[in-house]
Amino acid sequence: MGFTRKAGDWAFKAFTAGLGVATVYLAATFSVNVYRGLSWHNAQSKMEKQDSNDHAT
């Protein structure tokens, strides 16, 4: 009975540790993707402004 309880405890700890690692990984990749998306959007906006200035002159 004691071995089964310890095995269950370790399985639960491993599962929750895996969830924690997955959460940290997803938060980090989400942040990187948001940064990349904003950078891309800013670059597109700058290119549009340049194009409109080029056509105006």
Protein backbone atom coordinates (compact mmCIF):
# COMPACT_ATOMS: atom_id res chain seq x y z
CA MET A 1 0.00 0.00 0.00
CA GLY A 2 2.87 2.40 0.82
CA PHE A 3 4.60 1.83 -2.54
CA THR A 4 1.41 2.55 -4.47
CA ARG A 5 0.87 5.77 -2.57
CA LYS A 6 4.47 6.89 -3.20
CA ALA A 7 4.19 6.01 -6.89
CA GLY A 8 0.97 8.01 -7.12
CA ASP A 9 2.57 10.96 -5.35
CA TRP A 10 5.55 10.90 -7.72
CA ALA A 11 3.29 10.57 -10.75
CA PHE A 12 1.26 13.56 -9.58
CA LYS A 13 4.40 15.60 -8.91
CA ALA A 14 5.79 14.73 -12.34
CA PHE A 15 2.49 15.65 -13.98
CA THR A 16 2.25 19.02 -12.20
CA ALA A 17 5.91 19.75 -12.94
CA GLY A 18 5.23 19.01 -16.60
CA LEU A 19 2.27 21.38 -16.54
CA GLY A 20 4.45 24.06 -14.99
CA VAL A 21 7.15 23.64 -17.63
CA ALA A 22 4.56 23.68 -20.41
CA THR A 23 3.02 26.86 -18.97
CA VAL A 24 6.37 28.64 -18.80
CA TYR A 25 7.24 27.51 -22.34
CA LEU A 26 3.91 28.64 -23.77
CA ALA A 27 4.10 32.00 -21.97
CA ALA A 28 7.60 32.59 -23.31
CA THR A 29 6.76 31.63 -26.89
CA PHE A 30 3.57 33.69 -26.76
CA SER A 31 5.56 36.73 -25.65
CA VAL A 32 8.11 36.21 -28.42
CA ASN A 33 5.35 35.85 -31.01
CA VAL A 34 3.61 39.01 -29.82
CA TYR A 35 6.91 40.90 -30.05
CA ARG A 36 7.55 39.56 -33.56
CA GLY A 37 4.03 40.42 -34.65
CA LEU A 38 4.29 43.97 -33.36
CA SER A 39 7.69 44.38 -35.01
CA TRP A 40 6.32 43.10 -38.30
CA HIS A 41 3.30 45.40 -38.04
CA ASN A 42 5.50 48.42 -37.34
CA ALA A 43 7.70 47.57 -40.31
CA GLN A 44 4.64 47.31 -42.55
CA SER A 45 3.37 50.66 -41.33
CA LYS A 46 6.73 52.29 -42.06
CA MET A 47 6.79 50.81 -45.56
CA GLU A 48 3.26 52.08 -46.23
CA LYS A 49 4.23 55.56 -45.06
CA GLN A 50 7.32 55.50 -47.30
CA ASP A 51 5.26 54.35 -50.28
CA SER A 52 2.68 57.08 -49.75
CA ASN A 53 5.44 59.69 -49.42
CA ASP A 54 7.14 58.42 -52.59
CA HIS A 55 3.90 58.65 -54.57
CA ALA A 56 3.12 62.14 -53.25
CA THR A 57 6.33 63.67 -54.55
